[in-house]
Protein backbone atom coordinates (compact mmCIF):
# COMPACT_ATOMS: atom_id res chain seq x y z
CA MET A 1 44.06 -65.16 197.42
CA LEU A 2 43.99 -61.69 195.73
CA SER A 3 47.77 -61.58 195.45
CA ALA A 4 47.99 -65.28 194.11
CA THR A 5 45.26 -64.42 191.50
CA PHE A 6 46.90 -61.22 190.51
CA LEU A 7 50.25 -62.83 190.23
CA SER A 8 48.97 -65.31 187.74
CA LEU A 9 47.62 -62.48 185.67
CA VAL A 10 50.85 -60.60 185.83
CA ILE A 11 52.96 -63.58 184.88
CA ILE A 12 50.73 -64.51 182.00
CA THR A 13 49.88 -61.12 180.60
CA GLY A 14 52.41 -58.75 181.95
CA CYS A 15 55.11 -59.48 179.44
CA THR A 16 53.33 -60.86 176.45
CA SER A 17 54.69 -58.39 173.93
CA SER A 18 58.05 -59.01 172.53
CA ALA A 19 60.68 -56.37 173.03
CA SER A 20 61.79 -54.29 170.20
CA LYS A 21 64.90 -55.54 168.27
CA THR A 22 65.84 -52.01 167.23
CA PRO A 23 69.17 -51.03 168.86
CA PRO A 24 68.86 -47.98 171.32
CA GLU A 25 69.37 -44.67 169.61
CA SER A 26 69.82 -42.50 172.47
CA THR A 27 69.98 -42.56 176.39
CA ILE A 28 68.36 -40.05 178.61
CA ARG A 29 68.98 -40.05 182.27
CA VAL A 30 65.92 -38.37 183.91
CA SER A 31 67.14 -38.22 187.54
CA GLU A 32 69.39 -39.57 190.24
CA ALA A 33 66.66 -39.35 192.91
CA THR A 34 63.07 -38.45 192.33
CA ALA A 35 61.49 -38.40 195.79
CA ALA A 36 61.93 -34.68 196.30
CA ALA A 37 59.59 -33.54 193.67
CA PRO A 38 58.09 -36.44 191.65
CA GLU A 39 55.52 -34.29 190.11
CA SER A 40 58.16 -32.05 188.37
CA THR A 41 59.69 -32.89 185.04
CA THR A 42 62.47 -30.29 185.65
CA PRO A 43 65.52 -32.04 186.90
CA ALA A 44 67.38 -30.64 189.88
CA PRO A 45 70.82 -29.09 189.10
CA GLY A 46 73.47 -31.66 188.96
CA ASN A 47 71.09 -34.67 189.14
CA THR A 48 70.29 -35.03 185.50
CA ALA A 49 72.79 -36.40 182.92
CA ILE A 50 71.88 -34.98 179.53
CA ALA A 51 73.49 -36.16 176.29
CA PRO A 52 76.61 -34.12 175.57
CA GLU A 53 76.49 -31.23 173.12
CA SER A 54 77.98 -31.97 169.80
CA THR A 55 81.31 -30.41 169.16
CA ALA A 56 81.19 -30.80 165.42
CA ASP A 57 81.08 -27.95 163.03
CA ALA A 58 77.48 -26.37 162.36
CA SER A 59 77.71 -27.50 158.85
CA ASP A 60 78.12 -31.14 159.95
CA SER A 61 75.46 -31.13 162.65
CA THR A 62 72.57 -29.29 161.05
CA ALA A 63 69.38 -31.22 161.53
CA SER A 64 66.69 -31.60 158.93
CA PRO A 65 63.17 -30.32 159.81
CA ASN A 66 62.04 -33.91 160.12
CA GLU A 67 64.90 -34.77 162.54
CA ASN A 68 64.14 -31.73 164.56
CA THR A 69 60.46 -32.70 164.72
CA ASP A 70 61.35 -36.23 165.76
CA ALA A 71 63.67 -34.94 168.49
CA ALA A 72 61.02 -32.76 169.89
CA GLU A 73 58.51 -35.61 169.93
CA ASP A 74 60.91 -37.89 171.57
CA ASN A 75 61.43 -35.31 174.28
CA GLU A 76 57.81 -34.94 174.73
CA ALA A 77 57.22 -38.70 175.05
CA VAL A 78 60.03 -38.98 177.65
CA GLN A 79 58.48 -36.35 179.68
CA ALA A 80 55.07 -38.09 179.46
CA ALA A 81 56.83 -41.41 180.35
CA GLU A 82 58.51 -39.75 183.31
CA ARG A 83 55.27 -38.40 184.72
CA TYR A 84 53.63 -41.97 184.26
CA ILE A 85 56.51 -43.74 186.11
CA HIS A 86 56.24 -41.36 188.97
CA ALA A 87 52.54 -41.88 189.39
CA GLU A 88 52.96 -45.53 188.93
CA TYR A 89 55.60 -46.23 191.48
CA GLN A 90 55.21 -43.46 194.13
CA ILE A 91 53.00 -45.03 196.78
CA LYS A 92 52.54 -44.12 200.41
CA ALA A 93 51.91 -47.18 202.62
CA SER A 94 48.60 -47.19 204.64
CA GLU A 95 46.52 -49.72 206.40
CA ASP A 96 43.47 -49.33 203.89
CA ILE A 97 45.73 -49.17 200.72
CA LEU A 98 43.81 -52.10 199.06
CA SER A 99 40.39 -50.89 200.20
CA GLU A 100 37.68 -50.35 197.48
CA GLU A 101 37.95 -46.64 197.96
CA SER A 102 41.77 -46.83 197.55
CA VAL A 103 41.66 -48.96 194.51
CA ARG A 104 39.01 -46.57 192.98
CA LYS A 105 41.19 -43.65 193.62
CA ARG A 106 44.32 -45.34 192.29
CA ASN A 107 42.59 -46.13 188.94
CA GLU A 108 41.32 -42.58 188.60
CA GLU A 109 44.95 -41.26 189.24
CA MET A 110 46.47 -43.42 186.59
CA LYS A 111 43.81 -42.85 183.86
CA PRO A 112 45.08 -39.53 182.50
CA PHE A 113 48.48 -41.17 181.70
CA LEU A 114 46.90 -44.06 179.54
CA THR A 115 45.10 -44.53 176.33
CA ASP A 116 41.56 -45.64 176.74
CA TYR A 117 42.51 -49.15 175.46
CA PHE A 118 45.45 -49.67 177.91
CA TYR A 119 43.43 -48.15 180.79
CA GLN A 120 40.63 -50.67 180.35
CA LYS A 121 43.29 -53.53 180.07
CA ALA A 122 45.40 -52.24 183.07
CA VAL A 123 42.13 -52.15 185.18
CA ASP A 124 40.78 -55.47 184.14
CA ASN A 125 44.13 -57.20 184.65
CA ARG A 126 44.74 -55.29 187.86
CA TYR A 127 48.18 -53.83 186.59
CA THR A 128 47.30 -50.61 188.32
CA LEU A 129 47.18 -52.33 191.71
CA LEU A 130 50.49 -54.02 191.58
CA PRO A 131 52.53 -51.25 193.33
CA LEU A 132 49.75 -51.04 195.92
CA GLN A 133 50.13 -54.79 196.65
CA VAL A 134 53.93 -54.33 196.98
CA ALA A 135 53.54 -51.53 199.42
CA HIS A 136 50.83 -53.58 201.34
CA LYS A 137 52.91 -56.70 201.53
CA GLN A 138 56.10 -55.02 202.46
CA ASN A 139 54.35 -52.44 204.71
CA LEU A 140 56.68 -49.88 203.20
CA SER A 141 56.23 -46.86 200.92
CA LEU A 142 57.53 -46.77 197.43
CA ILE A 143 59.34 -44.18 195.28
CA PRO A 144 61.18 -44.37 192.00
CA ALA A 145 64.83 -43.19 191.66
CA ASN A 146 67.58 -43.16 189.06
CA LEU A 147 65.05 -43.31 186.30
CA GLN A 148 66.56 -43.57 182.73
CA PHE A 149 65.14 -44.00 179.36
CA ASN A 150 66.53 -45.51 176.02
CA LEU A 151 64.75 -44.69 172.83
CA GLU A 152 64.08 -48.10 171.18
CA GLU A 153 61.90 -46.96 168.23
CA HIS A 154 60.16 -43.88 166.79
CA LYS A 155 57.53 -44.37 164.16
CA LYS A 156 54.72 -42.00 163.18
CA ASP A 157 52.79 -41.06 166.31
CA THR A 158 54.48 -43.96 168.28
CA VAL A 159 57.56 -44.02 170.50
CA GLU A 160 58.86 -46.90 172.37
CA LEU A 161 61.07 -46.50 175.36
CA LYS A 162 63.12 -48.80 177.34
CA TYR A 163 63.37 -47.78 181.02
CA THR A 164 65.39 -48.60 184.08
CA LEU A 165 64.90 -47.44 187.65
CA ASP A 166 65.56 -48.30 191.21
CA LEU A 167 62.44 -48.75 193.26
CA LEU A 168 63.11 -47.63 196.83
CA LEU A 169 61.08 -49.07 199.69
CA LEU A 170 61.00 -46.66 202.74
CA ASP A 171 59.81 -47.01 206.27
CA GLN A 172 57.59 -44.54 207.99
CA GLN A 173 60.58 -42.29 208.85
CA GLY A 174 61.72 -42.35 205.09
CA LYS A 175 64.65 -44.55 205.66
CA GLU A 176 65.54 -46.70 202.68
CA MET A 177 64.88 -50.48 203.63
CA LYS A 178 65.17 -51.91 200.09
CA ARG A 179 66.27 -50.98 196.74
CA ILE A 180 64.95 -53.04 193.73
CA PRO A 181 66.22 -52.45 190.22
CA LEU A 182 63.48 -52.59 187.71
CA GLU A 183 63.30 -52.32 183.89
CA GLY A 184 60.59 -52.50 181.38
CA ILE A 185 59.51 -51.07 177.86
CA LEU A 186 56.83 -48.37 177.42
CA THR A 187 54.87 -47.95 174.18
CA LEU A 188 53.40 -44.42 173.87
CA PHE A 189 50.93 -43.13 171.39
CA ASN A 190 50.42 -39.56 170.27
CA VAL A 191 46.68 -38.97 170.76
CA ASN A 192 45.44 -35.57 169.70
CA GLY A 193 48.82 -34.09 170.55
CA GLN A 194 49.20 -35.73 173.96
CA TRP A 195 51.59 -38.68 174.56
CA LEU A 196 49.85 -41.51 176.37
CA VAL A 197 50.95 -44.91 177.45
CA GLN A 198 49.62 -47.66 175.33
CA GLY A 199 51.51 -50.50 176.72
CA ASP A 200 53.89 -51.17 179.78
CA ARG A 201 55.96 -54.43 179.64
CA PHE A 202 56.94 -54.06 183.24
CA ASP A 203 59.39 -56.12 185.33
CA ALA A 204 56.99 -58.84 186.45
CA PRO A 205 59.67 -61.21 188.00
CA ALA A 206 61.21 -58.50 190.08
CA LEU A 207 57.79 -57.34 191.38
CA GLU A 208 56.49 -60.85 191.88
CA LYS A 209 59.36 -61.43 194.49
CA LEU A 210 58.01 -58.61 196.50
CA ILE A 211 54.39 -59.85 196.83
CA VAL A 212 54.76 -63.57 197.37
């Protein structure tokens, strides 16, 4: 009954916002495999593809102060988004994963990554519990891998990122049992110098298949 109720909410509310029409400006590959150190935003050598350095003359590639500021903000927003995705989709399977205590702990863990508005919305609509439900239904642990971001839009104090990742489902021995491609769009706000998630248009159809 919990899963059915939740699915209805996800289907109705999970993707209500329309995606940005602005063409992607840049692509940032975060990692090939994130299981080893999900809390770290420093990529392992050889595992991160960074946009190639420009070979143009310095006179042609000199950025204005505003462009430098935007690039720095974009990088900070991507790092914040990466930390959020790790927290969102790294779940260890357990028998009591949907217990009241587990749900309370889960919400507390996600709160630092979200604006006050989106935290309340995510809790009320049970978005924060979706990965727990996947782990419970599949009886498998979850980790994100091959995380990649495309910059969709940058406005004052707002960054919109399209993301793709592979959600790995692992057994108790850490063996990969399933690999589910996911995509979505994150909206981040700069709140007092900190980038926080204001919206997550996550991949409801793909996740729905894992909990029905």
